[in-house]
Amino acid sequence: MRPAWLVERHDIWVVPLAVVVHGATVTTSAPSPGQLVGAYDAAVVEGATEIVSIPLGSMYSATVAAATLAGSMADVPVRVLDAGASSFAARLCLLYTF
């Protein structure tokens, strides 16, 4: 869960992850590099001069790989941090390291 006030306060851009429910099986689908580039570009339009991307951990999803590829296509420097975590709250802790 990501509280809206927290996302707004820290100017966090959220790129959704698809969740697929197939009976008793639940899987996720990482956002594409194109979706992430779109988010990075939107942040640049809003004034970002650099981006820190903290996707779902690589042991849970391919999002780190997609974010890294997207970062190589961005107009500003993008630092992708693999937090190794699946929860928004755990990844949020990385905000306080900057």
PDB file of N, CA and C in Angstrom:
ATOM      1  N   MET A   1       0.841  -1.174   0.000  1.00  0.00           N
ATOM      2  CA  MET A   1       0.000   0.000   0.000  1.00  0.00           C
ATOM      3  C   MET A   1       0.887   1.238   0.000  1.00  0.00           C
ATOM      4  N   ARG A   2       0.512   2.210  -0.772  1.00  0.00           N
ATOM      5  CA  ARG A   2       1.266   3.457  -0.815  1.00  0.00           C
ATOM      6  C   ARG A   2       0.323   4.616  -0.540  1.00  0.00           C
ATOM      7  N   PRO A   3       0.416   5.224   0.612  1.00  0.00           N
ATOM      8  CA  PRO A   3      -0.468   6.344   0.930  1.00  0.00           C
ATOM      9  C   PRO A   3      -0.236   7.515  -0.027  1.00  0.00           C
ATOM     10  N   ALA A   4      -1.310   8.076  -0.561  1.00  0.00           N
ATOM     11  CA  ALA A   4      -1.216   9.166  -1.538  1.00  0.00           C
ATOM     12  C   ALA A   4      -0.454  10.361  -0.978  1.00  0.00           C
ATOM     13  N   TRP A   5      -0.663  10.673   0.295  1.00  0.00           N
ATOM     14  CA  TRP A   5       0.016  11.843   0.875  1.00  0.00           C
ATOM     15  C   TRP A   5       1.528  11.648   0.884  1.00  0.00           C
ATOM     16  N   LEU A   6       1.962  10.422   1.096  1.00  0.00           N
ATOM     17  CA  LEU A   6       3.394  10.125   1.140  1.00  0.00           C
ATOM     18  C   LEU A   6       4.016  10.225  -0.250  1.00  0.00           C
ATOM     19  N   VAL A   7       3.304   9.722  -1.236  1.00  0.00           N
ATOM     20  CA  VAL A   7       3.769   9.796  -2.618  1.00  0.00           C
ATOM     21  C   VAL A   7       3.890  11.256  -3.031  1.00  0.00           C
ATOM     22  N   GLU A   8       2.884  12.054  -2.686  1.00  0.00           N
ATOM     23  CA  GLU A   8       2.901  13.473  -3.048  1.00  0.00           C
ATOM     24  C   GLU A   8       3.990  14.238  -2.290  1.00  0.00           C
ATOM     25  N   ARG A   9       4.116  13.979  -1.019  1.00  0.00           N
ATOM     26  CA  ARG A   9       5.100  14.688  -0.187  1.00  0.00           C
ATOM     27  C   ARG A   9       6.524  14.515  -0.699  1.00  0.00           C
ATOM     28  N   HIS A  10       6.851  13.302  -1.153  1.00  0.00           N
ATOM     29  CA  HIS A  10       8.209  13.006  -1.593  1.00  0.00           C
ATOM     30  C   HIS A  10       8.362  13.045  -3.113  1.00  0.00           C
ATOM     31  N   ASP A  11       7.309  13.519  -3.802  1.00  0.00           N
ATOM     32  CA  ASP A  11       7.335  13.634  -5.257  1.00  0.00           C
ATOM     33  C   ASP A  11       7.732  12.303  -5.907  1.00  0.00           C
ATOM     34  N   ILE A  12       7.046  11.245  -5.502  1.00  0.00           N
ATOM     35  CA  ILE A  12       7.310   9.896  -5.999  1.00  0.00           C
ATOM     36  C   ILE A  12       6.406   9.615  -7.191  1.00  0.00           C
ATOM     37  N   TRP A  13       7.005   9.111  -8.256  1.00  0.00           N
ATOM     38  CA  TRP A  13       6.241   8.689  -9.428  1.00  0.00           C
ATOM     39  C   TRP A  13       6.059   7.180  -9.331  1.00  0.00           C
ATOM     40  N   VAL A  14       4.839   6.717  -9.476  1.00  0.00           N
ATOM     41  CA  VAL A  14       4.538   5.291  -9.339  1.00  0.00           C
ATOM     42  C   VAL A  14       4.168   4.726 -10.706  1.00  0.00           C
ATOM     43  N   VAL A  15       4.864   3.659 -11.102  1.00  0.00           N
ATOM     44  CA  VAL A  15       4.546   2.945 -12.342  1.00  0.00           C
ATOM     45  C   VAL A  15       3.926   1.623 -11.913  1.00  0.00           C
ATOM     46  N   PRO A  16       2.672   1.389 -12.294  1.00  0.00           N
ATOM     47  CA  PRO A  16       1.982   0.188 -11.815  1.00  0.00           C
ATOM     48  C   PRO A  16       2.554  -1.117 -12.360  1.00  0.00           C
ATOM     49  N   LEU A  17       2.411  -2.134 -11.578  1.00  0.00           N
ATOM     50  CA  LEU A  17       2.800  -3.496 -11.912  1.00  0.00           C
ATOM     51  C   LEU A  17       1.505  -4.268 -12.150  1.00  0.00           C
ATOM     52  N   ALA A  18       1.409  -5.016 -13.224  1.00  0.00           N
ATOM     53  CA  ALA A  18       0.201  -5.792 -13.506  1.00  0.00           C
ATOM     54  C   ALA A  18       0.165  -7.029 -12.618  1.00  0.00           C
ATOM     55  N   VAL A  19      -0.995  -7.295 -12.048  1.00  0.00           N
ATOM     56  CA  VAL A  19      -1.201  -8.498 -11.243  1.00  0.00           C
ATOM     57  C   VAL A  19      -2.217  -9.362 -11.988  1.00  0.00           C
ATOM     58  N   VAL A  20      -1.827 -10.611 -12.250  1.00  0.00           N
ATOM     59  CA  VAL A  20      -2.677 -11.528 -13.000  1.00  0.00           C
ATOM     60  C   VAL A  20      -3.150 -12.636 -12.069  1.00  0.00           C
ATOM     61  N   VAL A  21      -4.463 -12.773 -11.950  1.00  0.00           N
ATOM     62  CA  VAL A  21      -5.044 -13.821 -11.109  1.00  0.00           C
ATOM     63  C   VAL A  21      -5.640 -14.875 -12.034  1.00  0.00           C
ATOM     64  N   HIS A  22      -5.110 -16.069 -11.911  1.00  0.00           N
ATOM     65  CA  HIS A  22      -5.555 -17.199 -12.721  1.00  0.00           C
ATOM     66  C   HIS A  22      -5.961 -18.309 -11.767  1.00  0.00           C
ATOM     67  N   GLY A  23      -7.199 -18.273 -11.291  1.00  0.00           N
ATOM     68  CA  GLY A  23      -7.626 -19.261 -10.298  1.00  0.00           C
ATOM     69  C   GLY A  23      -6.874 -19.057  -9.015  1.00  0.00           C
ATOM     70  N   ALA A  24      -6.176 -20.090  -8.548  1.00  0.00           N
ATOM     71  CA  ALA A  24      -5.417 -20.008  -7.298  1.00  0.00           C
ATOM     72  C   ALA A  24      -4.016 -19.447  -7.516  1.00  0.00           C
ATOM     73  N   THR A  25      -3.633 -19.230  -8.762  1.00  0.00           N
ATOM     74  CA  THR A  25      -2.297 -18.736  -9.074  1.00  0.00           C
ATOM     75  C   THR A  25      -2.331 -17.227  -9.314  1.00  0.00           C
ATOM     76  N   VAL A  26      -1.431 -16.526  -8.646  1.00  0.00           N
ATOM     77  CA  VAL A  26      -1.316 -15.082  -8.828  1.00  0.00           C
ATOM     78  C   VAL A  26       0.109 -14.777  -9.271  1.00  0.00           C
ATOM     79  N   THR A  27       0.238 -14.055 -10.370  1.00  0.00           N
ATOM     80  CA  THR A  27       1.551 -13.671 -10.869  1.00  0.00           C
ATOM     81  C   THR A  27       1.560 -12.163 -11.141  1.00  0.00           C
ATOM     82  N   THR A  28       2.752 -11.634 -11.328  1.00  0.00           N
ATOM     83  CA  THR A  28       2.874 -10.220 -11.667  1.00  0.00           C
ATOM     84  C   THR A  28       3.571 -10.093 -13.017  1.00  0.00           C
ATOM     85  N   SER A  29       3.398  -8.946 -13.619  1.00  0.00           N
ATOM     86  CA  SER A  29       4.054  -8.657 -14.885  1.00  0.00           C
ATOM     87  C   SER A  29       4.722  -7.295 -14.746  1.00  0.00           C
ATOM     88  N   ALA A  30       6.031  -7.274 -14.924  1.00  0.00           N
ATOM     89  CA  ALA A  30       6.796  -6.036 -14.772  1.00  0.00           C
ATOM     90  C   ALA A  30       6.364  -5.011 -15.812  1.00  0.00           C
ATOM     91  N   PRO A  31       6.428  -3.728 -15.457  1.00  0.00           N
ATOM     92  CA  PRO A  31       6.173  -2.707 -16.474  1.00  0.00           C
ATOM     93  C   PRO A  31       7.252  -2.796 -17.551  1.00  0.00           C
ATOM     94  N   SER A  32       6.893  -2.431 -18.756  1.00  0.00           N
ATOM     95  CA  SER A  32       7.861  -2.476 -19.851  1.00  0.00           C
ATOM     96  C   SER A  32       8.844  -1.318 -19.726  1.00  0.00           C
ATOM     97  N   PRO A  33      10.017  -1.455 -20.348  1.00  0.00           N
ATOM     98  CA  PRO A  33      10.939  -0.320 -20.362  1.00  0.00           C
ATOM     99  C   PRO A  33      10.279   0.938 -20.942  1.00  0.00           C
ATOM    100  N   GLY A  34       9.404   0.750 -21.933  1.00  0.00           N
ATOM    101  CA  GLY A  34       8.698   1.885 -22.520  1.00  0.00           C
ATOM    102  C   GLY A  34       7.819   2.611 -21.519  1.00  0.00           C
ATOM    103  N   GLN A  35       7.119   1.850 -20.676  1.00  0.00           N
ATOM    104  CA  GLN A  35       6.299   2.474 -19.638  1.00  0.00           C
ATOM    105  C   GLN A  35       7.172   3.260 -18.665  1.00  0.00           C
ATOM    106  N   LEU A  36       8.306   2.696 -18.320  1.00  0.00           N
ATOM    107  CA  LEU A  36       9.207   3.376 -17.382  1.00  0.00           C
ATOM    108  C   LEU A  36       9.824   4.617 -18.010  1.00  0.00           C
ATOM    109  N   VAL A  37      10.215   4.537 -19.282  1.00  0.00           N
ATOM    110  CA  VAL A  37      10.740   5.719 -19.974  1.00  0.00           C
ATOM    111  C   VAL A  37       9.673   6.816 -19.974  1.00  0.00           C
ATOM    112  N   GLY A  38       8.421   6.426 -20.187  1.00  0.00           N
ATOM    113  CA  GLY A  38       7.325   7.396 -20.152  1.00  0.00           C
ATOM    114  C   GLY A  38       7.241   8.107 -18.814  1.00  0.00           C
ATOM    115  N   ALA A  39       7.404   7.347 -17.735  1.00  0.00           N
ATOM    116  CA  ALA A  39       7.387   7.947 -16.396  1.00  0.00           C
ATOM    117  C   ALA A  39       8.606   8.837 -16.189  1.00  0.00           C
ATOM    118  N   TYR A  40       9.762   8.380 -16.641  1.00  0.00           N
ATOM    119  CA  TYR A  40      10.978   9.191 -16.509  1.00  0.00           C
ATOM    120  C   TYR A  40      10.835  10.491 -17.297  1.00  0.00           C
ATOM    121  N   ASP A  41      10.305  10.397 -18.529  1.00  0.00           N
ATOM    122  CA  ASP A  41      10.112  11.585 -19.354  1.00  0.00           C
ATOM    123  C   ASP A  41       9.135  12.562 -18.696  1.00  0.00           C
ATOM    124  N   ALA A  42       8.072  12.034 -18.118  1.00  0.00           N
ATOM    125  CA  ALA A  42       7.095  12.889 -17.438  1.00  0.00           C
ATOM    126  C   ALA A  42       7.740  13.605 -16.254  1.00  0.00           C
ATOM    127  N   ALA A  43       8.604  12.910 -15.536  1.00  0.00           N
ATOM    128  CA  ALA A  43       9.308  13.533 -14.407  1.00  0.00           C
ATOM    129  C   ALA A  43      10.230  14.649 -14.891  1.00  0.00           C
ATOM    130  N   VAL A  44      10.870  14.435 -16.027  1.00  0.00           N
ATOM    131  CA  VAL A  44      11.751  15.463 -16.596  1.00  0.00           C
ATOM    132  C   VAL A  44      10.934  16.694 -16.985  1.00  0.00           C
ATOM    133  N   VAL A  45       9.781  16.477 -17.584  1.00  0.00           N
ATOM    134  CA  VAL A  45       8.901  17.594 -17.950  1.00  0.00           C
ATOM    135  C   VAL A  45       8.523  18.394 -16.702  1.00  0.00           C
ATOM    136  N   GLU A  46       8.368  17.701 -15.582  1.00  0.00           N
ATOM    137  CA  GLU A  46       8.030  18.364 -14.320  1.00  0.00           C
ATOM    138  C   GLU A  46       9.239  19.008 -13.643  1.00  0.00           C
ATOM    139  N   GLY A  47      10.418  18.843 -14.233  1.00  0.00           N
ATOM    140  CA  GLY A  47      11.598  19.516 -13.701  1.00  0.00           C
ATOM    141  C   GLY A  47      12.689  18.635 -13.128  1.00  0.00           C
ATOM    142  N   ALA A  48      12.523  17.329 -13.192  1.00  0.00           N
ATOM    143  CA  ALA A  48      13.553  16.438 -12.658  1.00  0.00           C
ATOM    144  C   ALA A  48      14.842  16.567 -13.467  1.00  0.00           C
ATOM    145  N   THR A  49      15.959  16.643 -12.774  1.00  0.00           N
ATOM    146  CA  THR A  49      17.266  16.695 -13.445  1.00  0.00           C
ATOM    147  C   THR A  49      18.032  15.402 -13.242  1.00  0.00           C
ATOM    148  N   GLU A  50      17.545  14.551 -12.369  1.00  0.00           N
ATOM    149  CA  GLU A  50      18.077  13.206 -12.158  1.00  0.00           C
ATOM    150  C   GLU A  50      16.980  12.386 -11.504  1.00  0.00           C
ATOM    151  N   ILE A  51      17.071  11.079 -11.642  1.00  0.00           N
ATOM    152  CA  ILE A  51      16.018  10.190 -11.144  1.00  0.00           C
ATOM    153  C   ILE A  51      16.637   9.043 -10.366  1.00  0.00           C
ATOM    154  N   VAL A  52      16.017   8.715  -9.247  1.00  0.00           N
ATOM    155  CA  VAL A  52      16.358   7.511  -8.503  1.00  0.00           C
ATOM    156  C   VAL A  52      15.159   6.580  -8.650  1.00  0.00           C
ATOM    157  N   SER A  53      15.388   5.441  -9.252  1.00  0.00           N
ATOM    158  CA  SER A  53      14.331   4.464  -9.476  1.00  0.00           C
ATOM    159  C   SER A  53      14.513   3.313  -8.486  1.00  0.00           C
ATOM    160  N   ILE A  54      13.450   3.034  -7.725  1.00  0.00           N
ATOM    161  CA  ILE A  54      13.515   1.969  -6.716  1.00  0.00           C
ATOM    162  C   ILE A  54      12.396   0.964  -7.021  1.00  0.00           C
ATOM    163  N   PRO A  55      12.637   0.101  -7.995  1.00  0.00           N
ATOM    164  CA  PRO A  55      11.606  -0.856  -8.386  1.00  0.00           C
ATOM    165  C   PRO A  55      11.505  -2.042  -7.428  1.00  0.00           C
ATOM    166  N   LEU A  56      10.507  -2.847  -7.696  1.00  0.00           N
ATOM    167  CA  LEU A  56      10.360  -4.107  -6.985  1.00  0.00           C
ATOM    168  C   LEU A  56      11.667  -4.876  -7.114  1.00  0.00           C
ATOM    169  N   GLY A  57      12.110  -5.513  -6.052  1.00  0.00           N
ATOM    170  CA  GLY A  57      13.400  -6.207  -6.043  1.00  0.00           C
ATOM    171  C   GLY A  57      13.531  -7.256  -7.135  1.00  0.00           C
ATOM    172  N   SER A  58      14.760  -7.428  -7.625  1.00  0.00           N
ATOM    173  CA  SER A  58      15.006  -8.340  -8.745  1.00  0.00           C
ATOM    174  C   SER A  58      14.694  -9.797  -8.417  1.00  0.00           C
ATOM    175  N   MET A  59      14.680 -10.149  -7.150  1.00  0.00           N
ATOM    176  CA  MET A  59      14.335 -11.534  -6.828  1.00  0.00           C
ATOM    177  C   MET A  59      12.822 -11.787  -6.920  1.00  0.00           C
ATOM    178  N   TYR A  60      12.045 -10.698  -7.081  1.00  0.00           N
ATOM    179  CA  TYR A  60      10.594 -10.819  -7.184  1.00  0.00           C
ATOM    180  C   TYR A  60      10.064 -10.511  -8.576  1.00  0.00           C
ATOM    181  N   SER A  61      10.835  -9.754  -9.360  1.00  0.00           N
ATOM    182  CA  SER A  61      10.299  -9.250 -10.612  1.00  0.00           C
ATOM    183  C   SER A  61      11.433  -8.872 -11.565  1.00  0.00           C
ATOM    184  N   ALA A  62      11.084  -8.726 -12.827  1.00  0.00           N
ATOM    185  CA  ALA A  62      12.044  -8.263 -13.842  1.00  0.00           C
ATOM    186  C   ALA A  62      12.070  -6.744 -13.935  1.00  0.00           C
ATOM    187  N   THR A  63      11.442  -6.071 -12.975  1.00  0.00           N
ATOM    188  CA  THR A  63      11.332  -4.617 -13.040  1.00  0.00           C
ATOM    189  C   THR A  63      12.688  -3.919 -12.945  1.00  0.00           C
ATOM    190  N   VAL A  64      13.633  -4.450 -12.190  1.00  0.00           N
ATOM    191  CA  VAL A  64      14.962  -3.830 -12.102  1.00  0.00           C
ATOM    192  C   VAL A  64      15.622  -3.823 -13.480  1.00  0.00           C
ATOM    193  N   ALA A  65      15.530  -4.928 -14.198  1.00  0.00           N
ATOM    194  CA  ALA A  65      16.109  -4.989 -15.545  1.00  0.00           C
ATOM    195  C   ALA A  65      15.421  -4.004 -16.476  1.00  0.00           C
ATOM    196  N   ALA A  66      14.088  -3.912 -16.396  1.00  0.00           N
ATOM    197  CA  ALA A  66      13.355  -2.968 -17.238  1.00  0.00           C
ATOM    198  C   ALA A  66      13.721  -1.531 -16.889  1.00  0.00           C
ATOM    199  N   ALA A  67      13.861  -1.237 -15.597  1.00  0.00           N
ATOM    200  CA  ALA A  67      14.221   0.110 -15.156  1.00  0.00           C
ATOM    201  C   ALA A  67      15.635   0.476 -15.592  1.00  0.00           C
ATOM    202  N   THR A  68      16.536  -0.480 -15.557  1.00  0.00           N
ATOM    203  CA  THR A  68      17.916  -0.235 -15.994  1.00  0.00           C
ATOM    204  C   THR A  68      17.966   0.074 -17.483  1.00  0.00           C
ATOM    205  N   LEU A  69      17.238  -0.706 -18.278  1.00  0.00           N
ATOM    206  CA  LEU A  69      17.178  -0.449 -19.717  1.00  0.00           C
ATOM    207  C   LEU A  69      16.532   0.910 -19.991  1.00  0.00           C
ATOM    208  N   ALA A  70      15.438   1.197 -19.316  1.00  0.00           N
ATOM    209  CA  ALA A  70      14.763   2.489 -19.479  1.00  0.00           C
ATOM    210  C   ALA A  70      15.682   3.637 -19.078  1.00  0.00           C
ATOM    211  N   GLY A  71      16.442   3.445 -18.029  1.00  0.00           N
ATOM    212  CA  GLY A  71      17.366   4.482 -17.574  1.00  0.00           C
ATOM    213  C   GLY A  71      18.408   4.814 -18.622  1.00  0.00           C
ATOM    214  N   SER A  72      18.802   3.808 -19.394  1.00  0.00           N
ATOM    215  CA  SER A  72      19.802   4.058 -20.440  1.00  0.00           C
ATOM    216  C   SER A  72      19.221   4.876 -21.589  1.00  0.00           C
ATOM    217  N   MET A  73      17.900   4.965 -21.659  1.00  0.00           N
ATOM    218  CA  MET A  73      17.234   5.726 -22.720  1.00  0.00           C
ATOM    219  C   MET A  73      16.726   7.089 -22.245  1.00  0.00           C
ATOM    220  N   ALA A  74      16.891   7.376 -20.970  1.00  0.00           N
ATOM    221  CA  ALA A  74      16.354   8.616 -20.405  1.00  0.00           C
ATOM    222  C   ALA A  74      17.219   9.816 -20.753  1.00  0.00           C
ATOM    223  N   ASP A  75      16.606  10.990 -20.695  1.00  0.00           N
ATOM    224  CA  ASP A  75      17.301  12.244 -21.000  1.00  0.00           C
ATOM    225  C   ASP A  75      18.085  12.799 -19.813  1.00  0.00           C
ATOM    226  N   VAL A  76      17.921  12.193 -18.652  1.00  0.00           N
ATOM    227  CA  VAL A  76      18.652  12.614 -17.451  1.00  0.00           C
ATOM    228  C   VAL A  76      19.274  11.377 -16.821  1.00  0.00           C
ATOM    229  N   PRO A  77      20.250  11.540 -15.938  1.00  0.00           N
ATOM    230  CA  PRO A  77      20.821  10.372 -15.269  1.00  0.00           C
ATOM    231  C   PRO A  77      19.758   9.643 -14.423  1.00  0.00           C
ATOM    232  N   VAL A  78      19.734   8.320 -14.527  1.00  0.00           N
ATOM    233  CA  VAL A  78      18.813   7.496 -13.738  1.00  0.00           C
ATOM    234  C   VAL A  78      19.638   6.495 -12.951  1.00  0.00           C
ATOM    235  N   ARG A  79      19.452   6.501 -11.654  1.00  0.00           N
ATOM    236  CA  ARG A  79      20.123   5.537 -10.777  1.00  0.00           C
ATOM    237  C   ARG A  79      19.085   4.516 -10.341  1.00  0.00           C
ATOM    238  N   VAL A  80      19.276   3.263 -10.705  1.00  0.00           N
ATOM    239  CA  VAL A  80      18.336   2.200 -10.362  1.00  0.00           C
ATOM    240  C   VAL A  80      18.880   1.461  -9.147  1.00  0.00           C
ATOM    241  N   LEU A  81      18.088   1.429  -8.100  1.00  0.00           N
ATOM    242  CA  LEU A  81      18.489   0.748  -6.868  1.00  0.00           C
ATOM    243  C   LEU A  81      17.676  -0.521  -6.691  1.00  0.00           C
ATOM    244  N   ASP A  82      18.345  -1.645  -6.603  1.00  0.00           N
ATOM    245  CA  ASP A  82      17.665  -2.910  -6.332  1.00  0.00           C
ATOM    246  C   ASP A  82      17.605  -3.078  -4.823  1.00  0.00           C
ATOM    247  N   ALA A  83      16.465  -2.753  -4.269  1.00  0.00           N
ATOM    248  CA  ALA A  83      16.294  -2.816  -2.820  1.00  0.00           C
ATOM    249  C   ALA A  83      16.127  -4.249  -2.326  1.00  0.00           C
ATOM    250  N   GLY A  84      15.890  -5.161  -3.257  1.00  0.00           N
ATOM    251  CA  GLY A  84      15.689  -6.544  -2.857  1.00  0.00           C
ATOM    252  C   GLY A  84      14.416  -6.726  -2.043  1.00  0.00           C
ATOM    253  N   ALA A  85      13.486  -5.778  -2.183  1.00  0.00           N
ATOM    254  CA  ALA A  85      12.267  -5.817  -1.382  1.00  0.00           C
ATOM    255  C   ALA A  85      11.051  -5.797  -2.291  1.00  0.00           C
ATOM    256  N   SER A  86       9.963  -6.323  -1.772  1.00  0.00           N
ATOM    257  CA  SER A  86       8.726  -6.315  -2.543  1.00  0.00           C
ATOM    258  C   SER A  86       7.751  -5.262  -2.047  1.00  0.00           C
ATOM    259  N   SER A  87       7.926  -4.764  -0.857  1.00  0.00           N
ATOM    260  CA  SER A  87       6.946  -3.821  -0.329  1.00  0.00           C
ATOM    261  C   SER A  87       7.349  -2.376  -0.582  1.00  0.00           C
ATOM    262  N   PHE A  88       6.350  -1.535  -0.790  1.00  0.00           N
ATOM    263  CA  PHE A  88       6.576  -0.110  -0.985  1.00  0.00           C
ATOM    264  C   PHE A  88       7.240   0.478   0.253  1.00  0.00           C
ATOM    265  N   ALA A  89       6.792   0.071   1.424  1.00  0.00           N
ATOM    266  CA  ALA A  89       7.334   0.620   2.673  1.00  0.00           C
ATOM    267  C   ALA A  89       8.821   0.323   2.823  1.00  0.00           C
ATOM    268  N   ALA A  90       9.242  -0.875   2.475  1.00  0.00           N
ATOM    269  CA  ALA A  90      10.665  -1.224   2.589  1.00  0.00           C
ATOM    270  C   ALA A  90      11.499  -0.413   1.611  1.00  0.00           C
ATOM    271  N   ARG A  91      10.993  -0.227   0.405  1.00  0.00           N
ATOM    272  CA  ARG A  91      11.731   0.556  -0.586  1.00  0.00           C
ATOM    273  C   ARG A  91      11.745   2.029  -0.218  1.00  0.00           C
ATOM    274  N   LEU A  92      10.708   2.478   0.461  1.00  0.00           N
ATOM    275  CA  LEU A  92      10.632   3.876   0.885  1.00  0.00           C
ATOM    276  C   LEU A  92      11.772   4.241   1.837  1.00  0.00           C
ATOM    277  N   CYS A  93      12.259   3.282   2.587  1.00  0.00           N
ATOM    278  CA  CYS A  93      13.375   3.528   3.502  1.00  0.00           C
ATOM    279  C   CYS A  93      14.588   4.057   2.757  1.00  0.00           C
ATOM    280  N   LEU A  94      14.745   3.709   1.501  1.00  0.00           N
ATOM    281  CA  LEU A  94      15.896   4.181   0.730  1.00  0.00           C
ATOM    282  C   LEU A  94      15.855   5.687   0.495  1.00  0.00           C
ATOM    283  N   LEU A  95      14.690   6.295   0.592  1.00  0.00           N
ATOM    284  CA  LEU A  95      14.596   7.754   0.439  1.00  0.00           C
ATOM    285  C   LEU A  95      15.497   8.478   1.418  1.00  0.00           C
ATOM    286  N   TYR A  96      15.634   7.913   2.584  1.00  0.00           N
ATOM    287  CA  TYR A  96      16.359   8.587   3.647  1.00  0.00           C
ATOM    288  C   TYR A  96      17.857   8.344   3.585  1.00  0.00           C
ATOM    289  N   THR A  97      18.328   7.689   2.518  1.00  0.00           N
ATOM    290  CA  THR A  97      19.757   7.507   2.344  1.00  0.00           C
ATOM    291  C   THR A  97      20.355   8.592   1.458  1.00  0.00           C
ATOM    292  N   PHE A  98      19.492   9.446   0.937  1.00  0.00           N
ATOM    293  CA  PHE A  98      19.944  10.517   0.032  1.00  0.00           C
ATOM    294  C   PHE A  98      19.908  11.845   0.714  1.00  0.00           C
TER     295      PHE A  98
END
